[in-house]
Protein backbone atom coordinates (compact mmCIF):
# COMPACT_ATOMS: atom_id res chain seq x y z
CA UNK A 1 -0.05 -0.05 -0.01
CA UNK A 2 1.45 3.42 -0.98
CA UNK A 3 1.52 6.27 1.54
CA UNK A 4 -1.48 8.11 0.31
CA UNK A 5 -3.60 4.97 0.17
CA UNK A 6 -2.60 4.43 3.80
CA UNK A 7 -3.66 7.94 4.75
CA UNK A 8 -6.93 7.32 3.01
CA UNK A 9 -7.55 4.08 4.92
CA UNK A 10 -6.91 5.79 8.27
CA UNK A 11 -9.34 8.64 7.27
CA UNK A 12 -11.99 6.12 6.47
CA UNK A 13 -11.59 4.54 9.91
CA UNK A 14 -11.76 7.88 11.61
CA UNK A 15 -14.96 9.17 9.95
CA UNK A 16 -18.59 8.20 10.34
CA UNK A 17 -19.95 6.12 7.48
CA UNK A 18 -22.24 8.84 6.18
CA UNK A 19 -19.47 11.47 6.31
CA UNK A 20 -17.14 9.13 4.47
CA UNK A 21 -19.83 8.57 1.82
CA UNK A 22 -20.22 12.31 1.46
CA UNK A 23 -16.54 12.83 1.01
CA UNK A 24 -16.23 9.95 -1.52
CA UNK A 25 -19.01 11.07 -3.83
CA UNK A 26 -17.76 11.34 -7.45
CA UNK A 27 -14.87 8.85 -6.98
CA UNK A 28 -14.59 6.28 -9.74
CA UNK A 29 -15.67 8.66 -12.47
CA UNK A 30 -12.62 8.29 -14.67
CA UNK A 31 -10.37 11.10 -13.36
CA UNK A 32 -7.59 8.84 -12.04
CA UNK A 33 -7.61 6.75 -15.23
CA UNK A 34 -7.30 9.89 -17.37
CA UNK A 35 -3.93 10.57 -15.62
CA UNK A 36 -2.84 7.00 -15.81
CA UNK A 37 -3.30 6.88 -19.49
CA UNK A 38 -0.33 9.16 -20.03
CA UNK A 39 3.30 7.99 -20.04
CA UNK A 40 6.32 10.01 -19.11
CA UNK A 41 9.58 10.37 -21.10
CA UNK A 42 12.82 9.98 -18.96
CA UNK A 43 15.56 12.47 -19.70
CA UNK A 44 18.83 11.75 -17.86
CA UNK A 45 22.05 13.73 -17.71
CA UNK A 46 20.40 17.07 -17.29
CA UNK A 47 21.83 19.73 -14.97
CA UNK A 48 19.39 19.96 -12.12
CA UNK A 49 21.61 21.66 -9.60
CA UNK A 50 19.35 24.70 -9.15
CA UNK A 51 16.01 22.85 -9.46
CA UNK A 52 12.92 24.17 -7.77
CA UNK A 53 9.09 24.12 -7.84
CA UNK A 54 8.45 27.78 -7.23
CA UNK A 55 5.62 29.52 -8.99
CA UNK A 56 4.06 33.04 -8.82
CA UNK A 57 0.27 33.15 -9.07
CA UNK A 58 -1.79 36.38 -8.99
CA UNK A 59 1.29 38.14 -7.62
CA UNK A 60 1.85 35.62 -4.81
CA UNK A 61 5.18 33.72 -4.79
CA UNK A 62 4.55 30.12 -3.74
CA UNK A 63 6.94 27.28 -3.02
CA UNK A 64 5.03 24.73 -5.20
CA UNK A 65 1.97 24.70 -7.51
CA UNK A 66 -0.33 22.80 -5.07
CA UNK A 67 -3.46 24.80 -3.96
CA UNK A 68 -5.98 23.33 -1.59
CA UNK A 69 -9.38 23.23 -3.35
CA UNK A 70 -12.41 24.75 -1.56
CA UNK A 71 -14.36 22.11 0.29
CA UNK A 72 -17.39 22.75 2.44
CA UNK A 73 -17.91 21.99 6.15
CA UNK A 74 -14.35 20.79 6.96
CA UNK A 75 -15.17 20.43 10.64
CA UNK A 76 -17.02 17.35 9.51
CA UNK A 77 -13.65 15.69 9.04
CA UNK A 78 -11.61 17.10 11.98
CA UNK A 79 -12.07 19.75 14.65
CA UNK A 80 -9.23 21.69 13.06
CA UNK A 81 -11.52 22.34 10.10
CA UNK A 82 -10.63 25.00 7.54
CA UNK A 83 -8.23 26.75 9.85
CA UNK A 84 -6.19 23.51 10.03
CA UNK A 85 -6.12 23.30 6.25
CA UNK A 86 -5.17 26.98 5.88
CA UNK A 87 -2.30 26.81 8.41
CA UNK A 88 -0.97 23.66 6.72
CA UNK A 89 -1.07 25.28 3.27
CA UNK A 90 0.61 28.36 4.52
CA UNK A 91 3.31 26.57 6.47
CA UNK A 92 4.14 24.47 3.44
CA UNK A 93 4.56 27.57 1.26
CA UNK A 94 1.33 27.01 -0.70
CA UNK A 95 -2.17 28.34 -0.81
CA UNK A 96 -5.72 27.42 0.14
CA UNK A 97 -9.09 28.38 -1.26
CA UNK A 98 -11.72 28.79 1.41
CA UNK A 99 -15.29 27.75 0.63
CA UNK A 100 -18.39 29.86 0.79
CA UNK A 101 -19.67 26.97 2.96
CA UNK A 102 -16.77 27.02 5.47
CA UNK A 103 -17.64 25.85 8.97
CA UNK A 104 -15.31 28.31 10.64
CA UNK A 105 -15.34 32.08 10.58
CA UNK A 106 -13.35 34.18 8.20
CA UNK A 107 -11.32 35.65 11.08
CA UNK A 108 -10.40 32.20 12.53
CA UNK A 109 -9.25 30.97 9.18
CA UNK A 110 -7.24 34.11 8.51
CA UNK A 111 -5.46 33.98 11.82
CA UNK A 112 -4.45 30.36 11.10
CA UNK A 113 -3.02 31.32 7.66
CA UNK A 114 -1.15 34.25 9.34
CA UNK A 115 0.35 31.88 11.87
CA UNK A 116 1.54 29.69 9.08
CA UNK A 117 3.49 32.65 7.62
CA UNK A 118 1.94 32.56 4.18
CA UNK A 119 -0.14 34.78 1.93
CA UNK A 120 -3.79 35.72 2.56
CA UNK A 121 -6.04 32.84 1.41
CA UNK A 122 -8.30 32.90 -1.64
CA UNK A 123 -12.05 32.92 -1.32
CA UNK A 124 -14.38 30.67 -3.28
CA UNK A 125 -17.76 32.35 -3.96
CA UNK A 126 -21.05 30.63 -4.68
CA UNK A 127 -23.75 32.81 -6.13
CA UNK A 128 -26.19 33.67 -3.45
CA UNK A 129 -29.31 33.68 -5.58
CA UNK A 130 -29.29 37.37 -6.35
CA UNK A 131 -26.84 40.30 -6.67
CA UNK A 132 -27.63 41.96 -3.34
CA UNK A 133 -26.93 38.98 -1.20
CA UNK A 134 -23.94 38.03 -3.27
CA UNK A 135 -22.54 41.48 -2.97
CA UNK A 136 -22.89 41.50 0.80
CA UNK A 137 -20.95 38.18 1.02
CA UNK A 138 -18.29 39.45 -1.42
CA UNK A 139 -17.86 42.61 0.70
CA UNK A 140 -17.50 40.67 3.92
CA UNK A 141 -14.85 38.45 2.28
CA UNK A 142 -12.91 41.37 0.91
CA UNK A 143 -13.14 43.22 4.25
CA UNK A 144 -11.69 40.08 5.92
CA UNK A 145 -8.63 40.33 3.52
CA UNK A 146 -9.12 37.51 1.02
CA UNK A 147 -6.69 38.14 -1.76
CA UNK A 148 -8.26 36.45 -4.73
CA UNK A 149 -11.83 35.55 -5.67
CA UNK A 150 -12.68 32.12 -7.08
CA UNK A 151 -16.16 32.24 -8.56
CA UNK A 152 -17.56 28.72 -8.81
CA UNK A 153 -20.18 28.26 -11.56
CA UNK A 154 -20.26 24.50 -12.08
CA UNK A 155 -22.62 23.72 -9.18
CA UNK A 156 -25.47 26.13 -9.22
CA UNK A 157 -27.50 23.28 -7.75
CA UNK A 158 -26.20 20.49 -5.40
CA UNK A 159 -28.25 17.55 -4.31
CA UNK A 160 -28.15 17.14 -0.54
CA UNK A 161 -26.64 13.85 0.51
CA UNK A 162 -25.75 14.47 4.15
CA UNK A 163 -27.72 15.82 7.12
CA UNK A 164 -25.32 18.10 8.92
CA UNK A 165 -24.79 17.78 12.61
CA UNK A 166 -26.26 20.65 14.66
CA UNK A 167 -22.81 21.93 15.47
CA UNK A 168 -21.67 22.21 11.82
CA UNK A 169 -22.97 25.07 9.63
CA UNK A 170 -21.88 27.54 6.94
CA UNK A 171 -21.17 30.17 9.60
CA UNK A 172 -20.17 33.01 7.24
CA UNK A 173 -23.52 33.08 5.43
CA UNK A 174 -26.74 34.89 6.15
CA UNK A 175 -29.18 32.57 7.94
CA UNK A 176 -31.51 31.97 4.99
CA UNK A 177 -28.82 31.27 2.44
CA UNK A 178 -29.04 27.70 0.93
CA UNK A 179 -27.19 25.92 -1.78
CA UNK A 180 -28.38 22.39 -1.57
CA UNK A 181 -31.70 21.16 -2.98
CA UNK A 182 -33.43 18.17 -4.56
CA UNK A 183 -33.42 17.51 -8.32
CA UNK A 184 -37.22 18.17 -8.58
CA UNK A 185 -36.70 21.77 -7.46
CA UNK A 186 -33.96 22.58 -10.02
CA UNK A 187 -35.76 24.65 -12.67
CA UNK A 188 -38.33 26.35 -10.47
CA UNK A 189 -35.93 26.61 -7.54
CA UNK A 190 -32.29 27.65 -7.34
CA UNK A 191 -31.50 27.38 -11.08
CA UNK A 192 -33.98 30.18 -11.69
CA UNK A 193 -31.56 32.31 -9.65
CA UNK A 194 -28.32 30.84 -11.04
CA UNK A 195 -25.72 33.38 -12.30
CA UNK A 196 -25.42 34.27 -16.00
CA UNK A 197 -22.72 35.87 -18.15
CA UNK A 198 -24.20 39.27 -17.32
CA UNK A 199 -23.79 38.56 -13.63
CA UNK A 200 -20.19 37.59 -14.21
CA UNK A 201 -19.50 40.99 -15.76
CA UNK A 202 -21.28 42.60 -12.85
CA UNK A 203 -19.16 40.68 -10.39
CA UNK A 204 -15.97 41.59 -12.15
CA UNK A 205 -16.77 45.26 -11.59
CA UNK A 206 -17.13 44.78 -7.96
CA UNK A 207 -14.22 42.39 -7.29
CA UNK A 208 -11.26 44.38 -5.93
CA UNK A 209 -8.56 41.79 -6.66
CA UNK A 210 -7.98 38.98 -9.02
CA UNK A 211 -10.97 37.01 -10.25
CA UNK A 212 -10.76 33.35 -11.27
CA UNK A 213 -13.75 31.39 -12.56
CA UNK A 214 -13.99 27.72 -11.52
CA UNK A 215 -15.92 25.04 -13.28
CA UNK A 216 -15.49 25.65 -17.09
CA UNK A 217 -14.85 22.70 -19.44
CA UNK A 218 -15.36 24.14 -22.81
CA UNK A 219 -12.85 26.44 -24.67
CA UNK A 220 -15.68 28.80 -25.83
CA UNK A 221 -16.73 29.35 -22.22
CA UNK A 222 -13.15 29.86 -21.09
CA UNK A 223 -12.52 32.45 -23.84
CA UNK A 224 -15.77 34.26 -22.98
CA UNK A 225 -14.83 34.40 -19.30
CA UNK A 226 -11.47 35.93 -20.07
CA UNK A 227 -13.07 38.44 -22.34
CA UNK A 228 -15.48 39.35 -19.49
CA UNK A 229 -12.43 40.27 -17.41
CA UNK A 230 -11.50 37.09 -15.49
CA UNK A 231 -7.84 36.82 -14.71
CA UNK A 232 -7.88 33.09 -15.17
CA UNK A 233 -9.94 29.90 -15.35
CA UNK A 234 -9.94 26.70 -13.29
CA UNK A 235 -10.84 23.75 -15.42
CA UNK A 236 -12.95 21.60 -13.19
CA UNK A 237 -15.70 19.03 -13.21
CA UNK A 238 -16.33 19.55 -9.45
CA UNK A 239 -14.60 16.27 -8.74
CA UNK A 240 -17.32 14.38 -10.60
CA UNK A 241 -19.85 15.30 -7.81
CA UNK A 242 -22.28 17.35 -9.79
CA UNK A 243 -22.95 15.95 -13.32
CA UNK A 244 -22.88 12.19 -13.77
CA UNK A 245 -21.00 11.18 -16.90
CA UNK A 246 -19.25 14.51 -17.16
CA UNK A 247 -15.93 14.54 -19.07
CA UNK A 248 -12.81 14.63 -16.93
CA UNK A 249 -11.05 17.89 -16.30
CA UNK A 250 -7.82 16.52 -17.71
CA UNK A 251 -9.45 15.70 -21.02
CA UNK A 252 -10.88 19.28 -21.28
CA UNK A 253 -7.61 20.97 -20.31
CA UNK A 254 -5.65 20.78 -23.66
CA UNK A 255 -8.39 22.48 -25.80
CA UNK A 256 -8.78 25.26 -23.26
CA UNK A 257 -4.98 25.72 -23.00
CA UNK A 258 -4.72 26.04 -26.80
CA UNK A 259 -7.54 28.52 -27.01
CA UNK A 260 -6.37 30.81 -24.22
CA UNK A 261 -2.65 30.74 -24.98
CA UNK A 262 -3.38 31.66 -28.59
CA UNK A 263 -4.87 34.96 -27.47
CA UNK A 264 -2.82 38.07 -27.93
CA UNK A 265 -1.48 39.98 -25.04
CA UNK A 266 -1.26 38.86 -21.39
CA UNK A 267 -2.02 35.16 -20.99
CA UNK A 268 -4.71 34.24 -18.48
CA UNK A 269 -3.97 31.87 -15.57
CA UNK A 270 -5.08 28.29 -16.23
CA UNK A 271 -5.48 25.90 -13.31
CA UNK A 272 -6.72 22.30 -13.09
CA UNK A 273 -8.97 20.83 -10.53
CA UNK A 274 -10.26 17.27 -10.03
CA UNK A 275 -8.44 13.95 -9.91
CA UNK A 276 -5.03 14.85 -8.51
CA UNK A 277 -3.69 11.93 -6.52
CA UNK A 278 0.07 12.16 -6.90
CA UNK A 279 3.05 14.33 -7.83
CA UNK A 280 2.99 12.54 -11.18
CA UNK A 281 -0.55 13.76 -11.73
CA UNK A 282 0.51 17.31 -11.00
CA UNK A 283 3.34 16.97 -13.54
CA UNK A 284 1.01 15.77 -16.24
CA UNK A 285 -1.43 18.58 -15.58
CA UNK A 286 1.41 21.14 -15.94
CA UNK A 287 2.66 19.42 -19.11
CA UNK A 288 -0.79 19.92 -20.58
CA UNK A 289 -0.84 23.58 -19.91
CA UNK A 290 -1.92 24.17 -16.27
CA UNK A 291 0.07 26.64 -14.19
CA UNK A 292 -1.00 24.93 -10.91
CA UNK A 293 -3.52 22.46 -9.65
CA UNK A 294 -6.20 22.31 -7.01
CA UNK A 295 -6.00 19.37 -4.63
CA UNK A 296 -9.21 18.02 -3.19
CA UNK A 297 -9.95 14.73 -1.43
CA UNK A 298 -6.38 13.76 -0.56
CA UNK A 299 -5.73 16.69 1.78
CA UNK A 300 -9.15 15.96 3.44
CA UNK A 301 -7.87 12.40 4.06
CA UNK A 302 -4.92 14.06 5.78
CA UNK A 303 -7.23 16.29 7.71
CA UNK A 304 -9.37 13.37 8.86
CA UNK A 305 -6.25 11.42 9.79
CA UNK A 306 -4.36 13.97 11.84
CA UNK A 307 -5.83 17.55 11.50
CA UNK A 308 -3.47 20.28 10.24
CA UNK A 309 -0.44 17.97 10.57
CA UNK A 310 -2.13 15.43 8.29
CA UNK A 311 -2.85 18.09 5.67
CA UNK A 312 0.74 19.26 5.80
CA UNK A 313 1.93 15.68 5.34
CA UNK A 314 -0.17 15.22 2.18
CA UNK A 315 1.08 18.47 0.68
CA UNK A 316 4.69 17.54 1.41
CA UNK A 317 4.23 13.95 0.04
CA UNK A 318 2.82 15.24 -3.35
CA UNK A 319 5.44 17.96 -3.57
CA UNK A 320 8.27 15.38 -3.07
CA UNK A 321 6.69 13.19 -5.72
CA UNK A 322 6.53 16.16 -8.09
CA UNK A 323 10.15 17.00 -7.51
CA UNK A 324 11.20 13.40 -8.13
CA UNK A 325 9.14 13.29 -11.34
CA UNK A 326 10.74 16.47 -12.53
CA UNK A 327 14.27 15.20 -11.78
CA UNK A 328 13.74 11.94 -13.66
CA UNK A 329 12.24 13.80 -16.70
CA UNK A 330 15.08 16.39 -16.68
CA UNK A 331 13.00 19.43 -15.70
CA UNK A 332 14.72 21.80 -13.35
CA UNK A 333 11.69 24.18 -13.06
CA UNK A 334 8.00 24.11 -13.71
CA UNK A 335 8.54 26.26 -16.82
CA UNK A 336 10.58 23.32 -18.29
CA UNK A 337 7.55 21.02 -18.15
CA UNK A 338 5.58 20.72 -21.36
CA UNK A 339 3.93 18.23 -23.84
CA UNK A 340 7.40 17.11 -24.91
CA UNK A 341 7.61 15.37 -21.43
CA UNK A 342 4.79 13.03 -22.27
CA UNK A 343 4.37 10.08 -24.57
CA UNK A 344 1.05 8.68 -25.74
CA UNK A 345 -0.09 5.69 -23.79
CA UNK A 346 -3.38 3.87 -23.44
CA UNK A 347 -6.20 6.14 -24.62
CA UNK A 348 -4.32 9.39 -23.89
CA UNK A 349 -3.69 11.71 -26.82
CA UNK A 350 -1.28 14.52 -26.76
CA UNK A 351 -2.44 18.03 -27.64
CA UNK A 352 -1.64 19.10 -31.25
């Protein structure tokens, strides 16, 4: 059993069955196989004496390209909650995105990130059903000091699968805000208030810092988002949790990369979310055009295993694996990684 599989096993033992089921939703939807289908090309005899994994994103210098994805209600998994994830990301020289549905206050999470010595966290925004309520949440997040806004658009409706314990709640939301519903309420319920392209342009005008849009899988949508003023896109299928049968994020990444990198002028940021399970996976995502990746379930396994220390262990594990993969493929920096590092294997096809 590899190390991450062992951490996963401990997490499963530590969590209630219904919480584990909630965390595991979307697994087995092809994301891991999409990465496995690629083969790497070894390149020995390279000079790697000054090798590093540093990357600058939205003006923040990070030690590695691993960003903790926004995940709701993290106190379900450990009492350290979002603060534990934030301090681990910060202490490891990385970054974390804090969910709209966080189970700890903005101030508590920020204090943890500050103690870790890192940058101010990013904030993931769900549309609140209307502009007034969305603006109030945005203003609270900006007042708290969040440095970058991640606007998630791939889950305007989420089917409830877990009844939250009384002590767990989305504590930063207004009392009547709700984001989970049943499929029969979709069109006459929350989807009737889901955001549109016009709302995205409105949000761009009110966002004080960098704005990334999360949940795009088509190059036309990615291009339109950048034209609307987004500083970057996060290619994401929401971990396979929203739309059954959805294409994997990795399959969607090359076409979006080609489209956005062909644009004149400054190149928008491209990140990949969903399916990352190893440093090798991170390497493949970067080779296909991503500047960084969002890590989801694995860090929550670490949180469930040992709180903030478990999260830090997972980040360090994947960073070590990334460095080893870079060394064996002759890449001394992230900028050296590209399609030339990959060979077709299985059903994988390299971008043209």
